[in-house]
């Protein structure tokens, strides 16, 4: 999957376990400038340094995977987590994003591409 947005937050890398680390960042995604969406992504392991060289305010293109997993707590209750795991980040060549770049995301779209769920 791919998204273009303005880099809003860059967090420090966190060592989660001895063998696993991650770094999070937030992008403003505005298909409709009146209602921007703030989307948090994560980078894992050796990809954590992908944000080095970027600054808040940069418009970036992000390649990412949508990941989900179940987790059962101590009481036996099952819940689900979803994460957006980025694997490639680069400065956007187009500069600012616009709603026209993402017609399938517009509320008034009649593309007929209904989601399967």
N, C-alpha and C. Protein backbone atom coordinates (compact mmCIF):
# COMPACT_ATOMS: atom_id res chain seq x y z
N UNK A 1 0.85 -1.17 0.00
CA UNK A 1 0.00 0.00 0.00
C UNK A 1 0.90 1.24 0.00
N UNK A 2 0.32 2.35 -0.44
CA UNK A 2 1.09 3.58 -0.56
C UNK A 2 0.22 4.75 -0.09
N UNK A 3 0.86 5.72 0.55
CA UNK A 3 0.17 6.92 1.00
C UNK A 3 1.16 8.09 0.93
N UNK A 4 0.65 9.27 0.64
CA UNK A 4 1.46 10.49 0.64
C UNK A 4 0.87 11.43 1.68
N UNK A 5 1.74 12.00 2.50
CA UNK A 5 1.25 12.92 3.53
C UNK A 5 2.37 13.75 4.10
N UNK A 6 1.97 14.69 4.97
CA UNK A 6 2.94 15.59 5.61
C UNK A 6 3.38 14.98 6.94
N UNK A 7 4.67 14.91 7.14
CA UNK A 7 5.25 14.36 8.36
C UNK A 7 4.98 15.31 9.52
N UNK A 8 4.26 14.83 10.54
CA UNK A 8 3.83 15.66 11.67
C UNK A 8 4.65 15.38 12.92
N UNK A 9 4.91 14.10 13.21
CA UNK A 9 5.66 13.70 14.41
C UNK A 9 6.66 12.62 14.06
N UNK A 10 7.81 12.67 14.71
CA UNK A 10 8.83 11.63 14.60
C UNK A 10 9.22 11.25 16.02
N UNK A 11 9.01 9.99 16.38
CA UNK A 11 9.33 9.54 17.73
C UNK A 11 10.67 8.82 17.75
N UNK A 12 11.25 8.73 18.93
CA UNK A 12 12.52 8.03 19.10
C UNK A 12 12.30 6.52 18.94
N UNK A 13 13.36 5.84 18.57
CA UNK A 13 13.33 4.39 18.48
C UNK A 13 13.21 3.80 19.88
N UNK A 14 12.34 2.80 20.03
CA UNK A 14 12.14 2.13 21.31
C UNK A 14 12.59 0.67 21.19
N UNK A 15 13.38 0.24 22.13
CA UNK A 15 13.80 -1.16 22.20
C UNK A 15 12.71 -1.90 22.97
N UNK A 16 11.88 -2.66 22.29
CA UNK A 16 10.74 -3.34 22.91
C UNK A 16 11.19 -4.59 23.67
N UNK A 17 11.99 -5.42 23.03
CA UNK A 17 12.60 -6.59 23.67
C UNK A 17 14.07 -6.58 23.28
N UNK A 18 14.80 -7.56 23.76
CA UNK A 18 16.22 -7.64 23.42
C UNK A 18 16.45 -7.75 21.91
N UNK A 19 15.49 -8.37 21.22
CA UNK A 19 15.66 -8.61 19.79
C UNK A 19 14.73 -7.79 18.90
N UNK A 20 13.90 -6.93 19.49
CA UNK A 20 12.94 -6.19 18.67
C UNK A 20 12.92 -4.72 19.06
N UNK A 21 12.99 -3.86 18.02
CA UNK A 21 12.88 -2.41 18.24
C UNK A 21 11.94 -1.84 17.19
N UNK A 22 11.31 -0.70 17.54
CA UNK A 22 10.44 -0.03 16.58
C UNK A 22 10.50 1.48 16.77
N UNK A 23 10.07 2.18 15.74
CA UNK A 23 10.03 3.65 15.75
C UNK A 23 8.72 4.06 15.10
N UNK A 24 8.03 5.00 15.71
CA UNK A 24 6.75 5.44 15.19
C UNK A 24 6.84 6.86 14.64
N UNK A 25 5.93 7.17 13.73
CA UNK A 25 5.83 8.52 13.18
C UNK A 25 4.39 8.76 12.74
N UNK A 26 4.01 10.03 12.66
CA UNK A 26 2.64 10.41 12.31
C UNK A 26 2.67 11.26 11.06
N UNK A 27 1.71 10.97 10.17
CA UNK A 27 1.57 11.69 8.91
C UNK A 27 0.17 12.28 8.85
N UNK A 28 0.09 13.52 8.38
CA UNK A 28 -1.21 14.13 8.10
C UNK A 28 -1.59 13.77 6.68
N UNK A 29 -2.70 13.09 6.55
CA UNK A 29 -3.21 12.63 5.26
C UNK A 29 -4.49 13.40 4.98
N UNK A 30 -4.49 14.23 3.96
CA UNK A 30 -5.62 15.14 3.76
C UNK A 30 -6.21 14.99 2.37
N UNK A 31 -7.10 14.02 2.20
CA UNK A 31 -7.84 13.94 0.94
C UNK A 31 -8.86 15.07 0.87
N UNK A 32 -9.31 15.52 2.04
CA UNK A 32 -10.18 16.69 2.15
C UNK A 32 -9.50 17.61 3.15
N UNK A 33 -8.92 18.72 2.71
CA UNK A 33 -8.17 19.61 3.61
C UNK A 33 -8.95 20.10 4.83
N UNK A 34 -10.28 20.11 4.76
CA UNK A 34 -11.07 20.53 5.92
C UNK A 34 -11.04 19.49 7.04
N UNK A 35 -10.80 18.24 6.68
CA UNK A 35 -10.83 17.15 7.66
C UNK A 35 -9.60 16.26 7.51
N UNK A 36 -8.43 16.76 7.85
CA UNK A 36 -7.22 15.94 7.70
C UNK A 36 -7.24 14.77 8.68
N UNK A 37 -6.62 13.68 8.29
CA UNK A 37 -6.50 12.49 9.12
C UNK A 37 -5.06 12.37 9.58
N UNK A 38 -4.87 12.00 10.83
CA UNK A 38 -3.53 11.83 11.39
C UNK A 38 -3.29 10.34 11.58
N UNK A 39 -2.36 9.81 10.81
CA UNK A 39 -2.15 8.37 10.73
C UNK A 39 -0.78 8.02 11.31
N UNK A 40 -0.77 7.10 12.28
CA UNK A 40 0.48 6.67 12.90
C UNK A 40 1.00 5.41 12.22
N UNK A 41 2.27 5.44 11.83
CA UNK A 41 2.95 4.31 11.22
C UNK A 41 4.06 3.86 12.15
N UNK A 42 4.57 2.66 11.89
CA UNK A 42 5.73 2.19 12.64
C UNK A 42 6.75 1.61 11.68
N UNK A 43 7.99 1.71 12.10
CA UNK A 43 9.12 1.08 11.42
C UNK A 43 9.68 0.05 12.39
N UNK A 44 10.16 -1.07 11.88
CA UNK A 44 10.68 -2.12 12.75
C UNK A 44 12.11 -2.48 12.37
N UNK A 45 12.84 -2.90 13.41
CA UNK A 45 14.20 -3.42 13.27
C UNK A 45 15.12 -2.45 12.53
N UNK A 46 15.79 -2.92 11.48
CA UNK A 46 16.77 -2.09 10.75
C UNK A 46 16.12 -0.93 10.00
N UNK A 47 14.80 -0.96 9.83
CA UNK A 47 14.11 0.12 9.13
C UNK A 47 13.92 1.36 9.98
N UNK A 48 14.23 1.28 11.28
CA UNK A 48 14.02 2.41 12.18
C UNK A 48 14.79 3.66 11.76
N UNK A 49 15.91 3.49 11.07
CA UNK A 49 16.70 4.65 10.67
C UNK A 49 16.21 5.29 9.37
N UNK A 50 15.14 4.77 8.77
CA UNK A 50 14.59 5.35 7.54
C UNK A 50 14.19 6.81 7.73
N UNK A 51 13.83 7.21 8.95
CA UNK A 51 13.39 8.58 9.19
C UNK A 51 14.54 9.56 9.35
N UNK A 52 15.74 9.06 9.53
CA UNK A 52 16.89 9.95 9.64
C UNK A 52 17.01 10.76 8.34
N UNK A 53 17.16 12.04 8.47
CA UNK A 53 17.25 12.90 7.29
C UNK A 53 15.93 13.55 6.91
N UNK A 54 14.83 13.13 7.55
CA UNK A 54 13.54 13.77 7.32
C UNK A 54 13.23 14.72 8.47
N UNK A 55 12.41 15.72 8.20
CA UNK A 55 12.03 16.70 9.21
C UNK A 55 10.51 16.84 9.24
N UNK A 56 10.01 17.29 10.37
CA UNK A 56 8.59 17.60 10.46
C UNK A 56 8.26 18.60 9.36
N UNK A 57 7.14 18.40 8.72
CA UNK A 57 6.71 19.27 7.63
C UNK A 57 7.03 18.73 6.25
N UNK A 58 7.95 17.76 6.16
CA UNK A 58 8.26 17.16 4.85
C UNK A 58 7.04 16.40 4.33
N UNK A 59 6.80 16.50 3.02
CA UNK A 59 5.77 15.69 2.39
C UNK A 59 6.47 14.43 1.89
N UNK A 60 5.97 13.27 2.36
CA UNK A 60 6.65 12.01 2.07
C UNK A 60 5.70 10.98 1.46
N UNK A 61 6.28 10.09 0.69
CA UNK A 61 5.59 8.91 0.17
C UNK A 61 5.99 7.74 1.05
N UNK A 62 5.02 6.96 1.48
CA UNK A 62 5.26 5.83 2.38
C UNK A 62 4.72 4.56 1.74
N UNK A 63 5.55 3.55 1.64
CA UNK A 63 5.13 2.21 1.26
C UNK A 63 4.98 1.45 2.56
N UNK A 64 3.85 0.76 2.76
CA UNK A 64 3.62 0.09 4.03
C UNK A 64 2.75 -1.14 3.86
N UNK A 65 2.79 -1.99 4.89
CA UNK A 65 1.94 -3.17 4.96
C UNK A 65 0.94 -2.96 6.09
N UNK A 66 -0.29 -3.38 5.86
CA UNK A 66 -1.32 -3.38 6.88
C UNK A 66 -1.24 -4.72 7.60
N UNK A 67 -0.98 -4.68 8.91
CA UNK A 67 -0.80 -5.90 9.68
C UNK A 67 -1.79 -5.96 10.82
N UNK A 68 -2.24 -7.15 11.15
CA UNK A 68 -3.16 -7.35 12.26
C UNK A 68 -2.84 -8.65 12.97
N UNK A 69 -3.12 -8.67 14.28
CA UNK A 69 -2.83 -9.89 15.05
C UNK A 69 -3.72 -9.94 16.28
N UNK A 70 -4.05 -11.16 16.71
CA UNK A 70 -4.82 -11.30 17.95
C UNK A 70 -3.90 -11.32 19.15
N UNK A 71 -4.47 -10.99 20.31
CA UNK A 71 -3.73 -11.06 21.57
C UNK A 71 -4.73 -11.41 22.67
N UNK A 72 -4.35 -12.34 23.53
CA UNK A 72 -5.20 -12.74 24.65
C UNK A 72 -4.56 -12.25 25.94
N UNK A 73 -5.34 -11.51 26.74
CA UNK A 73 -4.81 -10.96 27.99
C UNK A 73 -4.84 -12.02 29.10
N UNK A 74 -4.42 -11.65 30.31
CA UNK A 74 -4.34 -12.58 31.44
C UNK A 74 -5.71 -13.13 31.84
N UNK A 75 -6.77 -12.38 31.58
CA UNK A 75 -8.12 -12.81 31.92
C UNK A 75 -8.72 -13.70 30.83
N UNK A 76 -7.99 -13.96 29.77
CA UNK A 76 -8.47 -14.81 28.69
C UNK A 76 -9.29 -14.09 27.63
N UNK A 77 -9.35 -12.76 27.70
CA UNK A 77 -10.10 -11.99 26.71
C UNK A 77 -9.23 -11.76 25.48
N UNK A 78 -9.81 -12.06 24.34
CA UNK A 78 -9.07 -11.88 23.08
C UNK A 78 -9.38 -10.51 22.50
N UNK A 79 -8.36 -9.84 22.03
CA UNK A 79 -8.51 -8.55 21.35
C UNK A 79 -7.62 -8.58 20.12
N UNK A 80 -7.75 -7.58 19.27
CA UNK A 80 -6.99 -7.54 18.02
C UNK A 80 -6.28 -6.20 17.90
N UNK A 81 -5.10 -6.25 17.34
CA UNK A 81 -4.30 -5.06 17.10
C UNK A 81 -4.05 -4.92 15.61
N UNK A 82 -4.06 -3.69 15.16
CA UNK A 82 -3.76 -3.38 13.77
C UNK A 82 -2.58 -2.41 13.74
N UNK A 83 -1.66 -2.62 12.82
CA UNK A 83 -0.53 -1.70 12.69
C UNK A 83 -0.26 -1.44 11.21
N UNK A 84 0.30 -0.28 10.95
CA UNK A 84 0.72 0.10 9.61
C UNK A 84 2.24 0.11 9.64
N UNK A 85 2.84 -0.92 9.08
CA UNK A 85 4.29 -1.07 9.16
C UNK A 85 4.94 -0.60 7.86
N UNK A 86 5.62 0.54 7.95
CA UNK A 86 6.28 1.14 6.79
C UNK A 86 7.55 0.38 6.45
N UNK A 87 7.83 0.26 5.15
CA UNK A 87 9.06 -0.40 4.72
C UNK A 87 9.84 0.43 3.70
N UNK A 88 9.27 1.56 3.30
CA UNK A 88 10.00 2.48 2.41
C UNK A 88 9.44 3.88 2.59
N UNK A 89 10.32 4.86 2.73
CA UNK A 89 9.92 6.26 2.87
C UNK A 89 10.81 7.10 1.96
N UNK A 90 10.19 8.01 1.22
CA UNK A 90 10.96 8.93 0.39
C UNK A 90 10.22 10.25 0.30
N UNK A 91 10.97 11.32 0.02
CA UNK A 91 10.33 12.62 -0.16
C UNK A 91 9.44 12.56 -1.38
N UNK A 92 8.29 13.20 -1.27
CA UNK A 92 7.33 13.21 -2.36
C UNK A 92 7.83 14.12 -3.47
N UNK A 93 7.75 13.63 -4.69
CA UNK A 93 8.15 14.44 -5.84
C UNK A 93 7.09 15.46 -6.19
N UNK A 94 5.83 15.17 -5.84
CA UNK A 94 4.73 16.04 -6.21
C UNK A 94 4.48 17.17 -5.24
N UNK A 95 5.21 17.22 -4.15
CA UNK A 95 4.97 18.29 -3.17
C UNK A 95 3.71 18.03 -2.38
N UNK A 96 2.78 18.96 -2.39
CA UNK A 96 1.55 18.82 -1.61
C UNK A 96 0.63 17.77 -2.23
N UNK A 97 -0.09 17.07 -1.37
CA UNK A 97 -1.07 16.10 -1.81
C UNK A 97 -2.38 16.79 -2.09
N UNK A 98 -3.23 16.15 -2.85
CA UNK A 98 -4.57 16.69 -3.08
C UNK A 98 -5.57 15.55 -3.14
N UNK A 99 -6.84 15.89 -3.00
CA UNK A 99 -7.89 14.87 -3.04
C UNK A 99 -7.93 14.19 -4.40
N UNK A 100 -7.56 14.90 -5.47
CA UNK A 100 -7.58 14.32 -6.80
C UNK A 100 -6.59 13.17 -6.95
N UNK A 101 -5.54 13.14 -6.09
CA UNK A 101 -4.57 12.06 -6.16
C UNK A 101 -5.16 10.75 -5.64
N UNK A 102 -6.23 10.83 -4.85
CA UNK A 102 -6.81 9.66 -4.21
C UNK A 102 -8.32 9.62 -4.45
N UNK A 103 -8.77 9.53 -5.70
CA UNK A 103 -10.20 9.60 -5.96
C UNK A 103 -10.98 8.47 -5.28
N UNK A 104 -10.36 7.32 -5.06
CA UNK A 104 -11.06 6.21 -4.43
C UNK A 104 -11.35 6.48 -2.96
N UNK A 105 -10.72 7.47 -2.36
CA UNK A 105 -10.92 7.78 -0.96
C UNK A 105 -11.94 8.90 -0.75
N UNK A 106 -12.39 9.52 -1.82
CA UNK A 106 -13.32 10.63 -1.69
C UNK A 106 -14.72 10.11 -1.39
N UNK A 107 -15.43 10.81 -0.52
CA UNK A 107 -16.77 10.40 -0.11
C UNK A 107 -17.74 10.42 -1.27
N UNK A 108 -17.53 11.29 -2.26
CA UNK A 108 -18.45 11.41 -3.38
C UNK A 108 -18.07 10.51 -4.55
N UNK A 109 -17.15 9.61 -4.33
CA UNK A 109 -16.68 8.73 -5.41
C UNK A 109 -17.74 7.69 -5.77
N UNK A 110 -17.98 7.50 -7.04
CA UNK A 110 -18.89 6.47 -7.54
C UNK A 110 -18.09 5.43 -8.31
N UNK A 111 -16.94 5.06 -7.82
CA UNK A 111 -16.07 4.16 -8.56
C UNK A 111 -16.59 2.73 -8.60
N UNK A 112 -17.54 2.38 -7.69
CA UNK A 112 -18.06 1.02 -7.67
C UNK A 112 -17.12 0.03 -7.02
N UNK A 113 -16.02 0.49 -6.44
CA UNK A 113 -15.07 -0.40 -5.80
C UNK A 113 -15.42 -0.57 -4.34
N UNK A 114 -16.47 -1.34 -4.06
CA UNK A 114 -16.87 -1.58 -2.68
C UNK A 114 -15.86 -2.46 -1.99
N UNK A 115 -15.64 -2.21 -0.73
CA UNK A 115 -14.72 -3.03 0.05
C UNK A 115 -15.35 -4.40 0.27
N UNK A 116 -14.52 -5.46 0.34
CA UNK A 116 -15.05 -6.80 0.48
C UNK A 116 -15.51 -7.14 1.89
N UNK A 117 -15.46 -6.22 2.82
CA UNK A 117 -15.89 -6.52 4.18
C UNK A 117 -16.77 -5.43 4.74
